[in-house]
Full PDB file with SEQRES, HELIX, SHEET, SSBOND, CRYST1, ORIGX, SCALE, CONECT and MASTER records, all heavy atoms in Angstrom:
SEQRES   1 A   39  MET VAL LEU ASN HIS CYS GLN ALA LEU LEU THR SER THR          
SEQRES   2 A   39  PRO GLU GLY ALA THR GLY PHE ILE ASP ALA ASP LEU HIS          
SEQRES   3 A   39  ASP LEU ASP ARG ILE LEU ASP GLN THR GLY GLN LEU LEU          
HELIX    1 AA1 LEU A    3  LEU A    9  5                                   7    
HELIX    2 AA2 LEU A   28  THR A   35  1                                   8    
CRYST1    1.000    1.000    1.000  90.00  90.00  90.00 P 1           1          
ORIGX1      1.000000  0.000000  0.000000        0.00000                         
ORIGX2      0.000000  1.000000  0.000000        0.00000                         
ORIGX3      0.000000  0.000000  1.000000        0.00000                         
SCALE1      1.000000  0.000000  0.000000        0.00000                         
SCALE2      0.000000  1.000000  0.000000        0.00000                         
SCALE3      0.000000  0.000000  1.000000        0.00000                         
ATOM      1  N   MET A   1      12.112   7.694   3.034  1.00  0.00           N  
ATOM      2  CA  MET A   1      13.027   6.716   2.446  1.00  0.00           C  
ATOM      3  C   MET A   1      12.174   5.548   1.930  1.00  0.00           C  
ATOM      4  O   MET A   1      12.437   5.042   0.813  1.00  0.00           O  
ATOM      5  CB  MET A   1      14.121   6.345   3.382  1.00  0.00           C  
ATOM      6  CG  MET A   1      15.180   5.481   2.755  1.00  0.00           C  
ATOM      7  SD  MET A   1      16.427   6.526   1.908  1.00  0.00           S  
ATOM      8  CE  MET A   1      17.699   5.323   1.778  1.00  0.00           C  
ATOM      9  N   VAL A   2      11.255   5.063   2.750  1.00  0.00           N  
ATOM     10  CA  VAL A   2      10.475   3.939   2.337  1.00  0.00           C  
ATOM     11  C   VAL A   2       9.615   4.295   1.102  1.00  0.00           C  
ATOM     12  O   VAL A   2       9.530   3.462   0.224  1.00  0.00           O  
ATOM     13  CB  VAL A   2       9.554   3.455   3.492  1.00  0.00           C  
ATOM     14  CG1 VAL A   2       8.678   2.278   3.107  1.00  0.00           C  
ATOM     15  CG2 VAL A   2      10.401   3.058   4.708  1.00  0.00           C  
ATOM     16  N   LEU A   3       9.084   5.477   1.125  1.00  0.00           N  
ATOM     17  CA  LEU A   3       8.235   5.921  -0.026  1.00  0.00           C  
ATOM     18  C   LEU A   3       9.055   5.966  -1.311  1.00  0.00           C  
ATOM     19  O   LEU A   3       8.608   5.578  -2.379  1.00  0.00           O  
ATOM     20  CB  LEU A   3       7.663   7.268   0.278  1.00  0.00           C  
ATOM     21  CG  LEU A   3       6.568   7.313   1.377  1.00  0.00           C  
ATOM     22  CD1 LEU A   3       6.186   8.708   1.786  1.00  0.00           C  
ATOM     23  CD2 LEU A   3       5.273   6.614   0.859  1.00  0.00           C  
ATOM     24  N   ASN A   4      10.315   6.382  -1.201  1.00  0.00           N  
ATOM     25  CA  ASN A   4      11.179   6.476  -2.397  1.00  0.00           C  
ATOM     26  C   ASN A   4      11.565   5.064  -2.859  1.00  0.00           C  
ATOM     27  O   ASN A   4      12.129   4.952  -3.986  1.00  0.00           O  
ATOM     28  CB  ASN A   4      12.388   7.302  -2.081  1.00  0.00           C  
ATOM     29  CG  ASN A   4      12.148   8.770  -2.278  1.00  0.00           C  
ATOM     30  OD1 ASN A   4      11.363   9.185  -3.139  1.00  0.00           O  
ATOM     31  ND2 ASN A   4      12.818   9.600  -1.416  1.00  0.00           N  
ATOM     32  N   HIS A   5      11.329   4.001  -2.032  1.00  0.00           N  
ATOM     33  CA  HIS A   5      11.624   2.733  -2.430  1.00  0.00           C  
ATOM     34  C   HIS A   5      10.321   1.825  -2.670  1.00  0.00           C  
ATOM     35  O   HIS A   5      10.445   0.633  -2.820  1.00  0.00           O  
ATOM     36  CB  HIS A   5      12.554   1.986  -1.368  1.00  0.00           C  
ATOM     37  CG  HIS A   5      13.945   2.430  -1.425  1.00  0.00           C  
ATOM     38  ND1 HIS A   5      14.359   3.681  -0.967  1.00  0.00           N  
ATOM     39  CD2 HIS A   5      15.057   1.826  -1.818  1.00  0.00           C  
ATOM     40  CE1 HIS A   5      15.627   3.772  -1.066  1.00  0.00           C  
ATOM     41  NE2 HIS A   5      16.109   2.694  -1.677  1.00  0.00           N  
ATOM     42  N   CYS A   6       9.157   2.502  -2.599  1.00  0.00           N  
ATOM     43  CA  CYS A   6       7.999   1.711  -2.597  1.00  0.00           C  
ATOM     44  C   CYS A   6       7.794   0.843  -3.830  1.00  0.00           C  
ATOM     45  O   CYS A   6       7.139  -0.197  -3.863  1.00  0.00           O  
ATOM     46  CB  CYS A   6       6.753   2.529  -2.324  1.00  0.00           C  
ATOM     47  SG  CYS A   6       6.251   3.591  -3.741  1.00  0.00           S  
ATOM     48  N   GLN A   7       8.398   1.263  -4.980  1.00  0.00           N  
ATOM     49  CA  GLN A   7       8.173   0.427  -6.181  1.00  0.00           C  
ATOM     50  C   GLN A   7       8.838  -0.980  -5.965  1.00  0.00           C  
ATOM     51  O   GLN A   7       8.358  -1.925  -6.557  1.00  0.00           O  
ATOM     52  CB  GLN A   7       8.872   1.143  -7.389  1.00  0.00           C  
ATOM     53  CG  GLN A   7       8.149   2.447  -7.788  1.00  0.00           C  
ATOM     54  CD  GLN A   7       6.722   2.312  -8.189  1.00  0.00           C  
ATOM     55  OE1 GLN A   7       6.307   1.202  -8.655  1.00  0.00           O  
ATOM     56  NE2 GLN A   7       5.896   3.287  -7.972  1.00  0.00           N  
ATOM     57  N   ALA A   8       9.894  -1.040  -5.139  1.00  0.00           N  
ATOM     58  CA  ALA A   8      10.476  -2.333  -4.929  1.00  0.00           C  
ATOM     59  C   ALA A   8       9.548  -3.232  -4.095  1.00  0.00           C  
ATOM     60  O   ALA A   8       9.756  -4.465  -4.127  1.00  0.00           O  
ATOM     61  CB  ALA A   8      11.828  -2.152  -4.170  1.00  0.00           C  
ATOM     62  N   LEU A   9       8.636  -2.682  -3.409  1.00  0.00           N  
ATOM     63  CA  LEU A   9       7.673  -3.429  -2.617  1.00  0.00           C  
ATOM     64  C   LEU A   9       6.441  -3.859  -3.455  1.00  0.00           C  
ATOM     65  O   LEU A   9       5.607  -4.608  -2.980  1.00  0.00           O  
ATOM     66  CB  LEU A   9       7.192  -2.581  -1.425  1.00  0.00           C  
ATOM     67  CG  LEU A   9       8.207  -2.303  -0.383  1.00  0.00           C  
ATOM     68  CD1 LEU A   9       7.646  -1.272   0.605  1.00  0.00           C  
ATOM     69  CD2 LEU A   9       8.573  -3.578   0.377  1.00  0.00           C  
ATOM     70  N   LEU A  10       6.402  -3.379  -4.699  1.00  0.00           N  
ATOM     71  CA  LEU A  10       5.218  -3.598  -5.494  1.00  0.00           C  
ATOM     72  C   LEU A  10       5.364  -4.654  -6.583  1.00  0.00           C  
ATOM     73  O   LEU A  10       4.507  -4.798  -7.429  1.00  0.00           O  
ATOM     74  CB  LEU A  10       4.750  -2.260  -6.106  1.00  0.00           C  
ATOM     75  CG  LEU A  10       4.285  -1.268  -5.073  1.00  0.00           C  
ATOM     76  CD1 LEU A  10       3.989   0.057  -5.764  1.00  0.00           C  
ATOM     77  CD2 LEU A  10       3.138  -1.748  -4.315  1.00  0.00           C  
ATOM     78  N   THR A  11       6.466  -5.356  -6.554  1.00  0.00           N  
ATOM     79  CA  THR A  11       6.572  -6.577  -7.473  1.00  0.00           C  
ATOM     80  C   THR A  11       5.547  -7.564  -7.017  1.00  0.00           C  
ATOM     81  O   THR A  11       5.252  -7.720  -5.783  1.00  0.00           O  
ATOM     82  CB  THR A  11       7.954  -7.149  -7.444  1.00  0.00           C  
ATOM     83  OG1 THR A  11       8.258  -7.490  -6.046  1.00  0.00           O  
ATOM     84  CG2 THR A  11       9.004  -6.133  -7.942  1.00  0.00           C  
ATOM     85  N   SER A  12       4.992  -8.309  -7.903  1.00  0.00           N  
ATOM     86  CA  SER A  12       3.921  -9.236  -7.591  1.00  0.00           C  
ATOM     87  C   SER A  12       3.859 -10.365  -8.652  1.00  0.00           C  
ATOM     88  O   SER A  12       4.234 -10.177  -9.769  1.00  0.00           O  
ATOM     89  CB  SER A  12       2.603  -8.532  -7.502  1.00  0.00           C  
ATOM     90  OG  SER A  12       1.508  -9.429  -7.279  1.00  0.00           O  
ATOM     91  N   THR A  13       3.347 -11.506  -8.208  1.00  0.00           N  
ATOM     92  CA  THR A  13       2.984 -12.566  -9.131  1.00  0.00           C  
ATOM     93  C   THR A  13       1.794 -12.073  -9.984  1.00  0.00           C  
ATOM     94  O   THR A  13       1.016 -11.182  -9.502  1.00  0.00           O  
ATOM     95  CB  THR A  13       2.520 -13.835  -8.410  1.00  0.00           C  
ATOM     96  OG1 THR A  13       1.460 -13.476  -7.570  1.00  0.00           O  
ATOM     97  CG2 THR A  13       3.697 -14.417  -7.572  1.00  0.00           C  
ATOM     98  N   PRO A  14       1.635 -12.537 -11.205  1.00  0.00           N  
ATOM     99  CA  PRO A  14       0.516 -12.081 -11.986  1.00  0.00           C  
ATOM    100  C   PRO A  14      -0.812 -12.431 -11.306  1.00  0.00           C  
ATOM    101  O   PRO A  14      -1.825 -11.714 -11.493  1.00  0.00           O  
ATOM    102  CB  PRO A  14       0.679 -12.913 -13.289  1.00  0.00           C  
ATOM    103  CG  PRO A  14       2.074 -13.280 -13.345  1.00  0.00           C  
ATOM    104  CD  PRO A  14       2.503 -13.428 -11.942  1.00  0.00           C  
ATOM    105  N   GLU A  15      -0.857 -13.512 -10.475  1.00  0.00           N  
ATOM    106  CA  GLU A  15      -2.081 -13.896  -9.880  1.00  0.00           C  
ATOM    107  C   GLU A  15      -2.470 -12.961  -8.683  1.00  0.00           C  
ATOM    108  O   GLU A  15      -3.661 -12.925  -8.227  1.00  0.00           O  
ATOM    109  CB  GLU A  15      -2.088 -15.341  -9.455  1.00  0.00           C  
ATOM    110  CG  GLU A  15      -1.792 -16.330 -10.511  1.00  0.00           C  
ATOM    111  CD  GLU A  15      -0.285 -16.604 -10.723  1.00  0.00           C  
ATOM    112  OE1 GLU A  15       0.568 -15.760 -10.294  1.00  0.00           O  
ATOM    113  OE2 GLU A  15       0.006 -17.692 -11.233  1.00  0.00           O  
ATOM    114  N   GLY A  16      -1.413 -12.441  -7.995  1.00  0.00           N  
ATOM    115  CA  GLY A  16      -1.675 -11.631  -6.848  1.00  0.00           C  
ATOM    116  C   GLY A  16      -1.612 -10.144  -7.164  1.00  0.00           C  
ATOM    117  O   GLY A  16      -1.685  -9.703  -8.254  1.00  0.00           O  
ATOM    118  N   ALA A  17      -1.376  -9.318  -6.110  1.00  0.00           N  
ATOM    119  CA  ALA A  17      -1.278  -7.931  -6.250  1.00  0.00           C  
ATOM    120  C   ALA A  17      -0.658  -7.287  -4.983  1.00  0.00           C  
ATOM    121  O   ALA A  17      -0.717  -7.924  -3.925  1.00  0.00           O  
ATOM    122  CB  ALA A  17      -2.642  -7.306  -6.519  1.00  0.00           C  
ATOM    123  N   THR A  18      -0.012  -6.141  -5.198  1.00  0.00           N  
ATOM    124  CA  THR A  18       0.556  -5.407  -4.047  1.00  0.00           C  
ATOM    125  C   THR A  18       0.155  -3.967  -4.151  1.00  0.00           C  
ATOM    126  O   THR A  18       0.006  -3.440  -5.288  1.00  0.00           O  
ATOM    127  CB  THR A  18       2.075  -5.523  -3.955  1.00  0.00           C  
ATOM    128  OG1 THR A  18       2.613  -5.097  -5.124  1.00  0.00           O  
ATOM    129  CG2 THR A  18       2.468  -6.999  -3.626  1.00  0.00           C  
ATOM    130  N   GLY A  19       0.082  -3.316  -3.019  1.00  0.00           N  
ATOM    131  CA  GLY A  19      -0.139  -1.828  -3.014  1.00  0.00           C  
ATOM    132  C   GLY A  19       0.534  -1.204  -1.900  1.00  0.00           C  
ATOM    133  O   GLY A  19       0.994  -1.863  -0.932  1.00  0.00           O  
ATOM    134  N   PHE A  20       0.710   0.159  -1.959  1.00  0.00           N  
ATOM    135  CA  PHE A  20       1.391   0.856  -0.921  1.00  0.00           C  
ATOM    136  C   PHE A  20       0.624   2.112  -0.559  1.00  0.00           C  
ATOM    137  O   PHE A  20       0.223   2.911  -1.455  1.00  0.00           O  
ATOM    138  CB  PHE A  20       2.809   1.254  -1.401  1.00  0.00           C  
ATOM    139  CG  PHE A  20       3.711   1.805  -0.313  1.00  0.00           C  
ATOM    140  CD1 PHE A  20       4.748   1.014   0.243  1.00  0.00           C  
ATOM    141  CD2 PHE A  20       3.518   3.106   0.160  1.00  0.00           C  
ATOM    142  CE1 PHE A  20       5.576   1.485   1.255  1.00  0.00           C  
ATOM    143  CE2 PHE A  20       4.335   3.578   1.172  1.00  0.00           C  
ATOM    144  CZ  PHE A  20       5.365   2.802   1.702  1.00  0.00           C  
ATOM    145  N   ILE A  21       0.405   2.387   0.685  1.00  0.00           N  
ATOM    146  CA  ILE A  21      -0.294   3.557   1.217  1.00  0.00           C  
ATOM    147  C   ILE A  21       0.601   4.399   2.008  1.00  0.00           C  
ATOM    148  O   ILE A  21       1.228   3.931   2.964  1.00  0.00           O  
ATOM    149  CB  ILE A  21      -1.490   3.097   2.055  1.00  0.00           C  
ATOM    150  CG1 ILE A  21      -2.486   2.254   1.314  1.00  0.00           C  
ATOM    151  CG2 ILE A  21      -2.212   4.334   2.644  1.00  0.00           C  
ATOM    152  CD1 ILE A  21      -3.602   1.683   2.155  1.00  0.00           C  
ATOM    153  N   ASP A  22       0.663   5.683   1.612  1.00  0.00           N  
ATOM    154  CA  ASP A  22       1.475   6.639   2.404  1.00  0.00           C  
ATOM    155  C   ASP A  22       0.523   7.197   3.520  1.00  0.00           C  
ATOM    156  O   ASP A  22      -0.338   8.022   3.268  1.00  0.00           O  
ATOM    157  CB  ASP A  22       1.961   7.746   1.509  1.00  0.00           C  
ATOM    158  CG  ASP A  22       2.512   8.974   2.222  1.00  0.00           C  
ATOM    159  OD1 ASP A  22       2.754   8.872   3.394  1.00  0.00           O  
ATOM    160  OD2 ASP A  22       2.601  10.052   1.553  1.00  0.00           O  
ATOM    161  N   ALA A  23       0.760   6.730   4.740  1.00  0.00           N  
ATOM    162  CA  ALA A  23      -0.160   7.176   5.804  1.00  0.00           C  
ATOM    163  C   ALA A  23       0.533   6.971   7.160  1.00  0.00           C  
ATOM    164  O   ALA A  23       1.332   6.051   7.331  1.00  0.00           O  
ATOM    165  CB  ALA A  23      -1.455   6.354   5.791  1.00  0.00           C  
ATOM    166  N   ASP A  24       0.143   7.798   8.047  1.00  0.00           N  
ATOM    167  CA  ASP A  24       0.629   7.751   9.494  1.00  0.00           C  
ATOM    168  C   ASP A  24      -0.267   6.631  10.214  1.00  0.00           C  
ATOM    169  O   ASP A  24      -1.403   6.457   9.815  1.00  0.00           O  
ATOM    170  CB  ASP A  24       0.442   9.047  10.181  1.00  0.00           C  
ATOM    171  CG  ASP A  24       0.872   9.057  11.625  1.00  0.00           C  
ATOM    172  OD1 ASP A  24       2.093   9.186  11.809  1.00  0.00           O  
ATOM    173  OD2 ASP A  24       0.028   8.838  12.498  1.00  0.00           O  
ATOM    174  N   LEU A  25       0.353   6.066  11.242  1.00  0.00           N  
ATOM    175  CA  LEU A  25      -0.365   4.990  11.924  1.00  0.00           C  
ATOM    176  C   LEU A  25      -1.690   5.522  12.535  1.00  0.00           C  
ATOM    177  O   LEU A  25      -2.629   4.746  12.732  1.00  0.00           O  
ATOM    178  CB  LEU A  25       0.525   4.465  13.138  1.00  0.00           C  
ATOM    179  CG  LEU A  25       1.515   3.418  12.753  1.00  0.00           C  
ATOM    180  CD1 LEU A  25       2.290   3.074  14.022  1.00  0.00           C  
ATOM    181  CD2 LEU A  25       0.778   2.168  12.284  1.00  0.00           C  
ATOM    182  N   HIS A  26      -1.754   6.812  12.839  1.00  0.00           N  
ATOM    183  CA  HIS A  26      -2.947   7.365  13.450  1.00  0.00           C  
ATOM    184  C   HIS A  26      -4.101   7.651  12.376  1.00  0.00           C  
ATOM    185  O   HIS A  26      -5.237   7.869  12.813  1.00  0.00           O  
ATOM    186  CB  HIS A  26      -2.624   8.633  14.205  1.00  0.00           C  
ATOM    187  CG  HIS A  26      -1.787   8.405  15.460  1.00  0.00           C  
ATOM    188  ND1 HIS A  26      -0.421   8.429  15.409  1.00  0.00           N  
ATOM    189  CD2 HIS A  26      -2.147   8.145  16.720  1.00  0.00           C  
ATOM    190  CE1 HIS A  26      -0.018   8.199  16.618  1.00  0.00           C  
ATOM    191  NE2 HIS A  26      -0.944   8.012  17.465  1.00  0.00           N  
ATOM    192  N   ASP A  27      -3.707   7.630  11.164  1.00  0.00           N  
ATOM    193  CA  ASP A  27      -4.702   8.007  10.097  1.00  0.00           C  
ATOM    194  C   ASP A  27      -5.452   6.721   9.678  1.00  0.00           C  
ATOM    195  O   ASP A  27      -5.324   6.309   8.547  1.00  0.00           O  
ATOM    196  CB  ASP A  27      -3.969   8.670   8.932  1.00  0.00           C  
ATOM    197  CG  ASP A  27      -4.914   9.469   8.065  1.00  0.00           C  
ATOM    198  OD1 ASP A  27      -6.209   9.300   8.269  1.00  0.00           O  
ATOM    199  OD2 ASP A  27      -4.443  10.141   7.120  1.00  0.00           O  
ATOM    200  N   LEU A  28      -6.199   6.164  10.565  1.00  0.00           N  
ATOM    201  CA  LEU A  28      -6.830   4.859  10.357  1.00  0.00           C  
ATOM    202  C   LEU A  28      -7.930   4.932   9.295  1.00  0.00           C  
ATOM    203  O   LEU A  28      -8.103   3.953   8.523  1.00  0.00           O  
ATOM    204  CB  LEU A  28      -7.399   4.318  11.665  1.00  0.00           C  
ATOM    205  CG  LEU A  28      -6.327   4.196  12.775  1.00  0.00           C  
ATOM    206  CD1 LEU A  28      -7.013   3.515  13.966  1.00  0.00           C  
ATOM    207  CD2 LEU A  28      -5.173   3.295  12.322  1.00  0.00           C  
ATOM    208  N   ASP A  29      -8.623   6.015   9.248  1.00  0.00           N  
ATOM    209  CA  ASP A  29      -9.682   6.134   8.191  1.00  0.00           C  
ATOM    210  C   ASP A  29      -9.073   6.103   6.792  1.00  0.00           C  
ATOM    211  O   ASP A  29      -9.598   5.376   5.876  1.00  0.00           O  
ATOM    212  CB  ASP A  29     -10.516   7.445   8.335  1.00  0.00           C  
ATOM    213  CG  ASP A  29     -11.376   7.431   9.594  1.00  0.00           C  
ATOM    214  OD1 ASP A  29     -11.693   6.310  10.070  1.00  0.00           O  
ATOM    215  OD2 ASP A  29     -11.725   8.535  10.102  1.00  0.00           O  
ATOM    216  N   ARG A  30      -7.985   6.742   6.606  1.00  0.00           N  
ATOM    217  CA  ARG A  30      -7.326   6.752   5.277  1.00  0.00           C  
ATOM    218  C   ARG A  30      -6.794   5.366   5.003  1.00  0.00           C  
ATOM    219  O   ARG A  30      -6.928   4.858   3.963  1.00  0.00           O  
ATOM    220  CB  ARG A  30      -6.188   7.756   5.293  1.00  0.00           C  
ATOM    221  CG  ARG A  30      -5.341   7.774   4.019  1.00  0.00           C  
ATOM    222  CD  ARG A  30      -4.353   8.895   4.015  1.00  0.00           C  
ATOM    223  NE  ARG A  30      -3.455   8.908   2.886  1.00  0.00           N  
ATOM    224  CZ  ARG A  30      -2.926   9.914   2.319  1.00  0.00           C  
ATOM    225  NH1 ARG A  30      -3.140  11.083   2.819  1.00  0.00           N  
ATOM    226  NH2 ARG A  30      -2.161   9.786   1.258  1.00  0.00           N  
ATOM    227  N   ILE A  31      -6.172   4.726   5.998  1.00  0.00           N  
ATOM    228  CA  ILE A  31      -5.637   3.361   5.755  1.00  0.00           C  
ATOM    229  C   ILE A  31      -6.723   2.405   5.398  1.00  0.00           C  
ATOM    230  O   ILE A  31      -6.620   1.626   4.430  1.00  0.00           O  
ATOM    231  CB  ILE A  31      -4.927   2.877   7.001  1.00  0.00           C  
ATOM    232  CG1 ILE A  31      -3.666   3.701   7.287  1.00  0.00           C  
ATOM    233  CG2 ILE A  31      -4.611   1.362   6.949  1.00  0.00           C  
ATOM    234  CD1 ILE A  31      -3.017   3.428   8.600  1.00  0.00           C  
ATOM    235  N   LEU A  32      -7.821   2.451   6.111  1.00  0.00           N  
ATOM    236  CA  LEU A  32      -8.980   1.443   5.745  1.00  0.00           C  
ATOM    237  C   LEU A  32      -9.609   1.791   4.453  1.00  0.00           C  
ATOM    238  O   LEU A  32      -9.916   0.853   3.694  1.00  0.00           O  
ATOM    239  CB  LEU A  32      -9.968   1.483   6.907  1.00  0.00           C  
ATOM    240  CG  LEU A  32      -9.517   0.910   8.213  1.00  0.00           C  
ATOM    241  CD1 LEU A  32     -10.464   1.220   9.379  1.00  0.00           C  
ATOM    242  CD2 LEU A  32      -9.310  -0.526   8.098  1.00  0.00           C  
ATOM    243  N   ASP A  33      -9.793   3.025   4.151  1.00  0.00           N  
ATOM    244  CA  ASP A  33     -10.440   3.458   2.911  1.00  0.00           C  
ATOM    245  C   ASP A  33      -9.600   3.025   1.687  1.00  0.00           C  
ATOM    246  O   ASP A  33     -10.115   2.370   0.772  1.00  0.00           O  
ATOM    247  CB  ASP A  33     -10.622   4.902   2.824  1.00  0.00           C  
ATOM    248  CG  ASP A  33     -11.288   5.319   1.527  1.00  0.00           C  
ATOM    249  OD1 ASP A  33     -12.436   4.970   1.292  1.00  0.00           O  
ATOM    250  OD2 ASP A  33     -10.597   6.113   0.738  1.00  0.00           O  
ATOM    251  N   GLN A  34      -8.342   3.232   1.762  1.00  0.00           N  
ATOM    252  CA  GLN A  34      -7.425   2.880   0.586  1.00  0.00           C  
ATOM    253  C   GLN A  34      -7.145   1.349   0.590  1.00  0.00           C  
ATOM    254  O   GLN A  34      -7.010   0.783  -0.500  1.00  0.00           O  
ATOM    255  CB  GLN A  34      -6.197   3.680   0.643  1.00  0.00           C  
ATOM    256  CG  GLN A  34      -6.459   5.181   0.428  1.00  0.00           C  
ATOM    257  CD  GLN A  34      -5.248   6.003   0.409  1.00  0.00           C  
ATOM    258  OE1 GLN A  34      -4.130   5.516   0.190  1.00  0.00           O  
ATOM    259  NE2 GLN A  34      -5.366   7.295   0.684  1.00  0.00           N  
ATOM    260  N   THR A  35      -7.125   0.731   1.707  1.00  0.00           N  
ATOM    261  CA  THR A  35      -6.926  -0.742   1.729  1.00  0.00           C  
ATOM    262  C   THR A  35      -8.023  -1.416   1.000  1.00  0.00           C  
ATOM    263  O   THR A  35      -7.906  -2.412   0.359  1.00  0.00           O  
ATOM    264  CB  THR A  35      -6.767  -1.290   3.172  1.00  0.00           C  
ATOM    265  OG1 THR A  35      -5.614  -0.635   3.767  1.00  0.00           O  
ATOM    266  CG2 THR A  35      -6.603  -2.697   3.186  1.00  0.00           C  
ATOM    267  N   GLY A  36      -9.254  -0.922   1.187  1.00  0.00           N  
ATOM    268  CA  GLY A  36     -10.397  -1.420   0.546  1.00  0.00           C  
ATOM    269  C   GLY A  36     -10.409  -1.405  -0.984  1.00  0.00           C  
ATOM    270  O   GLY A  36     -11.236  -2.062  -1.561  1.00  0.00           O  
ATOM    271  N   GLN A  37      -9.486  -0.637  -1.521  1.00  0.00           N  
ATOM    272  CA  GLN A  37      -9.317  -0.623  -3.020  1.00  0.00           C  
ATOM    273  C   GLN A  37      -8.663  -1.849  -3.497  1.00  0.00           C  
ATOM    274  O   GLN A  37      -8.780  -2.190  -4.766  1.00  0.00           O  
ATOM    275  CB  GLN A  37      -8.572   0.662  -3.448  1.00  0.00           C  
ATOM    276  CG  GLN A  37      -9.208   1.927  -3.075  1.00  0.00           C  
ATOM    277  CD  GLN A  37      -8.310   3.150  -3.516  1.00  0.00           C  
ATOM    278  OE1 GLN A  37      -7.733   3.146  -4.607  1.00  0.00           O  
ATOM    279  NE2 GLN A  37      -8.285   4.111  -2.600  1.00  0.00           N  
ATOM    280  N   LEU A  38      -7.966  -2.589  -2.688  1.00  0.00           N  
ATOM    281  CA  LEU A  38      -7.219  -3.742  -3.098  1.00  0.00           C  
ATOM    282  C   LEU A  38      -7.680  -5.059  -2.439  1.00  0.00           C  
ATOM    283  O   LEU A  38      -7.593  -6.070  -3.002  1.00  0.00           O  
ATOM    284  CB  LEU A  38      -5.706  -3.506  -2.941  1.00  0.00           C  
ATOM    285  CG  LEU A  38      -4.763  -4.590  -3.526  1.00  0.00           C  
ATOM    286  CD1 LEU A  38      -4.951  -4.599  -5.052  1.00  0.00           C  
ATOM    287  CD2 LEU A  38      -3.293  -4.305  -3.147  1.00  0.00           C  
ATOM    288  N   LEU A  39      -7.990  -4.922  -1.099  1.00  0.00           N  
ATOM    289  CA  LEU A  39      -8.304  -6.109  -0.340  1.00  0.00           C  
ATOM    290  C   LEU A  39      -9.794  -6.185  -0.221  1.00  0.00           C  
ATOM    291  O   LEU A  39     -10.520  -5.163  -0.142  1.00  0.00           O  
ATOM    292  CB  LEU A  39      -7.656  -6.061   1.015  1.00  0.00           C  
ATOM    293  CG  LEU A  39      -6.125  -5.922   1.076  1.00  0.00           C  
ATOM    294  CD1 LEU A  39      -5.676  -6.073   2.518  1.00  0.00           C  
ATOM    295  CD2 LEU A  39      -5.439  -6.909   0.156  1.00  0.00           C  
TER     296      LEU A  39                                                      
MASTER        0    0    0    2    0    0    0    6  295    1    0    3          
END                                                                             
């Protein structure tokens, strides 16, 4: 359900940015790898 609403989480100021990662809490390598694309 959250994934189907993720676009609503991606509004942002022009100066900032937002992103959404589909991952389980245990999949830490995936979380960190993809977080590094934005942060």
